[in-house]
Structures are given as C-alpha cells and as structure tokens.
Amino acid sequence: GETVFTMIPKEKEEHVLQILKKYPEAIIIKSELDNQGARVLNN
C-alpha cells in the first residue's frame, strides 16, 4: 500500500477531504495537531 501524510490549513480541510473521498479504497484519518509535545498527565 501507499501512505500520504500532510498538514493543511484548517480553511482548506473540507476541500482536501472532498478530493481524498474520490478514492473509495482510501482510509482517511483526520486529527488535530498537538503542539504541546510529550508531557506527564496526573489523573
């Protein structure tokens, strides 16, 4: 298989998703960018 990874501006998100949805075999994973990095969480 092939993998494509990209970061896009929020305002272009829907446009890019519409393009990617043209490929029926594609698995699309949409996520937010974590800009804080690794950290310890106290629960």
PDB file of N, CA and C in Angstrom:
ATOM      1  N   GLY A   1       0.803  -1.181   0.000  1.00  0.00           N
ATOM      2  CA  GLY A   1       0.000   0.000   0.000  1.00  0.00           C
ATOM      3  C   GLY A   1       0.849   1.248   0.000  1.00  0.00           C
ATOM      4  N   GLU A   2       0.196   2.346  -0.092  1.00  0.00           N
ATOM      5  CA  GLU A   2       0.859   3.646  -0.085  1.00  0.00           C
ATOM      6  C   GLU A   2       0.261   4.509   1.012  1.00  0.00           C
ATOM      7  N   THR A   3       1.078   5.403   1.551  1.00  0.00           N
ATOM      8  CA  THR A   3       0.632   6.293   2.619  1.00  0.00           C
ATOM      9  C   THR A   3       0.921   7.735   2.230  1.00  0.00           C
ATOM     10  N   VAL A   4      -0.036   8.604   2.489  1.00  0.00           N
ATOM     11  CA  VAL A   4       0.152  10.039   2.288  1.00  0.00           C
ATOM     12  C   VAL A   4      -0.100  10.706   3.626  1.00  0.00           C
ATOM     13  N   PHE A   5       0.836  11.532   4.068  1.00  0.00           N
ATOM     14  CA  PHE A   5       0.694  12.290   5.310  1.00  0.00           C
ATOM     15  C   PHE A   5       0.887  13.753   4.964  1.00  0.00           C
ATOM     16  N   THR A   6      -0.028  14.587   5.392  1.00  0.00           N
ATOM     17  CA  THR A   6       0.108  16.008   5.104  1.00  0.00           C
ATOM     18  C   THR A   6      -0.561  16.848   6.185  1.00  0.00           C
ATOM     19  N   MET A   7      -0.059  18.042   6.368  1.00  0.00           N
ATOM     20  CA  MET A   7      -0.703  19.021   7.241  1.00  0.00           C
ATOM     21  C   MET A   7      -1.256  20.111   6.334  1.00  0.00           C
ATOM     22  N   ILE A   8      -2.489  20.513   6.596  1.00  0.00           N
ATOM     23  CA  ILE A   8      -3.124  21.545   5.771  1.00  0.00           C
ATOM     24  C   ILE A   8      -3.756  22.598   6.673  1.00  0.00           C
ATOM     25  N   PRO A   9      -3.901  23.814   6.162  1.00  0.00           N
ATOM     26  CA  PRO A   9      -4.589  24.843   6.944  1.00  0.00           C
ATOM     27  C   PRO A   9      -6.047  24.453   7.161  1.00  0.00           C
ATOM     28  N   LYS A  10      -6.586  24.819   8.304  1.00  0.00           N
ATOM     29  CA  LYS A  10      -7.966  24.483   8.666  1.00  0.00           C
ATOM     30  C   LYS A  10      -8.959  24.918   7.585  1.00  0.00           C
ATOM     31  N   GLU A  11      -8.721  26.070   6.962  1.00  0.00           N
ATOM     32  CA  GLU A  11      -9.670  26.579   5.969  1.00  0.00           C
ATOM     33  C   GLU A  11      -9.695  25.760   4.673  1.00  0.00           C
ATOM     34  N   LYS A  12      -8.705  24.894   4.455  1.00  0.00           N
ATOM     35  CA  LYS A  12      -8.688  24.046   3.253  1.00  0.00           C
ATOM     36  C   LYS A  12      -9.083  22.605   3.556  1.00  0.00           C
ATOM     37  N   GLU A  13      -9.418  22.323   4.792  1.00  0.00           N
ATOM     38  CA  GLU A  13      -9.715  20.961   5.233  1.00  0.00           C
ATOM     39  C   GLU A  13     -10.826  20.298   4.417  1.00  0.00           C
ATOM     40  N   GLU A  14     -11.955  20.941   4.270  1.00  0.00           N
ATOM     41  CA  GLU A  14     -13.087  20.334   3.553  1.00  0.00           C
ATOM     42  C   GLU A  14     -12.759  20.091   2.085  1.00  0.00           C
ATOM     43  N   HIS A  15     -12.050  21.017   1.468  1.00  0.00           N
ATOM     44  CA  HIS A  15     -11.669  20.858   0.062  1.00  0.00           C
ATOM     45  C   HIS A  15     -10.782  19.622  -0.124  1.00  0.00           C
ATOM     46  N   VAL A  16      -9.790  19.477   0.732  1.00  0.00           N
ATOM     47  CA  VAL A  16      -8.881  18.327   0.643  1.00  0.00           C
ATOM     48  C   VAL A  16      -9.626  17.026   0.923  1.00  0.00           C
ATOM     49  N   LEU A  17     -10.514  17.015   1.903  1.00  0.00           N
ATOM     50  CA  LEU A  17     -11.286  15.806   2.204  1.00  0.00           C
ATOM     51  C   LEU A  17     -12.151  15.392   1.020  1.00  0.00           C
ATOM     52  N   GLN A  18     -12.751  16.350   0.326  1.00  0.00           N
ATOM     53  CA  GLN A  18     -13.572  16.025  -0.844  1.00  0.00           C
ATOM     54  C   GLN A  18     -12.729  15.385  -1.945  1.00  0.00           C
ATOM     55  N   ILE A  19     -11.510  15.849  -2.119  1.00  0.00           N
ATOM     56  CA  ILE A  19     -10.613  15.246  -3.116  1.00  0.00           C
ATOM     57  C   ILE A  19     -10.266  13.819  -2.712  1.00  0.00           C
ATOM     58  N   LEU A  20      -9.906  13.613  -1.452  1.00  0.00           N
ATOM     59  CA  LEU A  20      -9.499  12.283  -0.992  1.00  0.00           C
ATOM     60  C   LEU A  20     -10.648  11.281  -1.018  1.00  0.00           C
ATOM     61  N   LYS A  21     -11.866  11.746  -0.820  1.00  0.00           N
ATOM     62  CA  LYS A  21     -13.026  10.847  -0.818  1.00  0.00           C
ATOM     63  C   LYS A  21     -13.334  10.285  -2.202  1.00  0.00           C
ATOM     64  N   LYS A  22     -12.674  10.776  -3.238  1.00  0.00           N
ATOM     65  CA  LYS A  22     -12.853  10.239  -4.588  1.00  0.00           C
ATOM     66  C   LYS A  22     -12.197   8.869  -4.740  1.00  0.00           C
ATOM     67  N   TYR A  23     -11.387   8.474  -3.775  1.00  0.00           N
ATOM     68  CA  TYR A  23     -10.697   7.185  -3.814  1.00  0.00           C
ATOM     69  C   TYR A  23     -11.397   6.240  -2.848  1.00  0.00           C
ATOM     70  N   PRO A  24     -12.280   5.360  -3.351  1.00  0.00           N
ATOM     71  CA  PRO A  24     -13.117   4.528  -2.481  1.00  0.00           C
ATOM     72  C   PRO A  24     -12.333   3.566  -1.591  1.00  0.00           C
ATOM     73  N   GLU A  25     -11.132   3.188  -1.995  1.00  0.00           N
ATOM     74  CA  GLU A  25     -10.343   2.261  -1.183  1.00  0.00           C
ATOM     75  C   GLU A  25      -9.531   2.976  -0.100  1.00  0.00           C
ATOM     76  N   ALA A  26      -9.597   4.287  -0.078  1.00  0.00           N
ATOM     77  CA  ALA A  26      -8.792   5.072   0.858  1.00  0.00           C
ATOM     78  C   ALA A  26      -9.337   5.001   2.279  1.00  0.00           C
ATOM     79  N   ILE A  27      -8.423   4.996   3.221  1.00  0.00           N
ATOM     80  CA  ILE A  27      -8.759   5.152   4.636  1.00  0.00           C
ATOM     81  C   ILE A  27      -8.250   6.538   5.031  1.00  0.00           C
ATOM     82  N   ILE A  28      -9.156   7.410   5.415  1.00  0.00           N
ATOM     83  CA  ILE A  28      -8.797   8.793   5.737  1.00  0.00           C
ATOM     84  C   ILE A  28      -8.863   8.977   7.245  1.00  0.00           C
ATOM     85  N   ILE A  29      -7.760   9.426   7.809  1.00  0.00           N
ATOM     86  CA  ILE A  29      -7.707   9.719   9.245  1.00  0.00           C
ATOM     87  C   ILE A  29      -7.460  11.219   9.390  1.00  0.00           C
ATOM     88  N   LYS A  30      -8.399  11.901  10.029  1.00  0.00           N
ATOM     89  CA  LYS A  30      -8.296  13.348  10.242  1.00  0.00           C
ATOM     90  C   LYS A  30      -8.070  13.577  11.731  1.00  0.00           C
ATOM     91  N   SER A  31      -7.050  14.349  12.086  1.00  0.00           N
ATOM     92  CA  SER A  31      -6.787  14.600  13.502  1.00  0.00           C
ATOM     93  C   SER A  31      -6.252  16.014  13.692  1.00  0.00           C
ATOM     94  N   GLU A  32      -6.252  16.430  14.932  1.00  0.00           N
ATOM     95  CA  GLU A  32      -5.712  17.738  15.293  1.00  0.00           C
ATOM     96  C   GLU A  32      -4.208  17.620  15.533  1.00  0.00           C
ATOM     97  N   LEU A  33      -3.509  18.727  15.447  1.00  0.00           N
ATOM     98  CA  LEU A  33      -2.079  18.782  15.705  1.00  0.00           C
ATOM     99  C   LEU A  33      -1.849  19.111  17.175  1.00  0.00           C
ATOM    100  N   ASP A  34      -1.062  18.284  17.849  1.00  0.00           N
ATOM    101  CA  ASP A  34      -0.726  18.524  19.254  1.00  0.00           C
ATOM    102  C   ASP A  34       0.547  19.362  19.292  1.00  0.00           C
ATOM    103  N   ASN A  35       0.436  20.621  19.646  1.00  0.00           N
ATOM    104  CA  ASN A  35       1.611  21.489  19.638  1.00  0.00           C
ATOM    105  C   ASN A  35       2.274  21.621  21.002  1.00  0.00           C
ATOM    106  N   GLN A  36       1.850  20.806  21.992  1.00  0.00           N
ATOM    107  CA  GLN A  36       2.464  20.857  23.315  1.00  0.00           C
ATOM    108  C   GLN A  36       3.542  19.798  23.489  1.00  0.00           C
ATOM    109  N   GLY A  37       3.530  18.753  22.689  1.00  0.00           N
ATOM    110  CA  GLY A  37       4.535  17.703  22.799  1.00  0.00           C
ATOM    111  C   GLY A  37       4.253  16.748  23.942  1.00  0.00           C
ATOM    112  N   ALA A  38       5.222  15.880  24.221  1.00  0.00           N
ATOM    113  CA  ALA A  38       5.062  14.865  25.270  1.00  0.00           C
ATOM    114  C   ALA A  38       5.011  15.531  26.644  1.00  0.00           C
ATOM    115  N   ARG A  39       4.176  14.983  27.523  1.00  0.00           N
ATOM    116  CA  ARG A  39       4.058  15.520  28.882  1.00  0.00           C
ATOM    117  C   ARG A  39       3.450  14.466  29.797  1.00  0.00           C
ATOM    118  N   VAL A  40       3.622  14.638  31.074  1.00  0.00           N
ATOM    119  CA  VAL A  40       3.062  13.727  32.066  1.00  0.00           C
ATOM    120  C   VAL A  40       1.725  14.292  32.522  1.00  0.00           C
ATOM    121  N   LEU A  41       0.697  13.451  32.474  1.00  0.00           N
ATOM    122  CA  LEU A  41      -0.631  13.873  32.917  1.00  0.00           C
ATOM    123  C   LEU A  41      -0.938  13.225  34.257  1.00  0.00           C
ATOM    124  N   ASN A  42      -1.315  14.002  35.235  1.00  0.00           N
ATOM    125  CA  ASN A  42      -1.708  13.473  36.540  1.00  0.00           C
ATOM    126  C   ASN A  42      -3.221  13.368  36.579  1.00  0.00           C
ATOM    127  N   ASN A  43      -3.717  12.150  36.762  1.00  0.00           N
ATOM    128  CA  ASN A  43      -5.176  11.954  36.804  1.00  0.00           C
ATOM    129  C   ASN A  43      -5.670  11.991  38.219  1.00  0.00           C
TER     130      ASN A  43
END
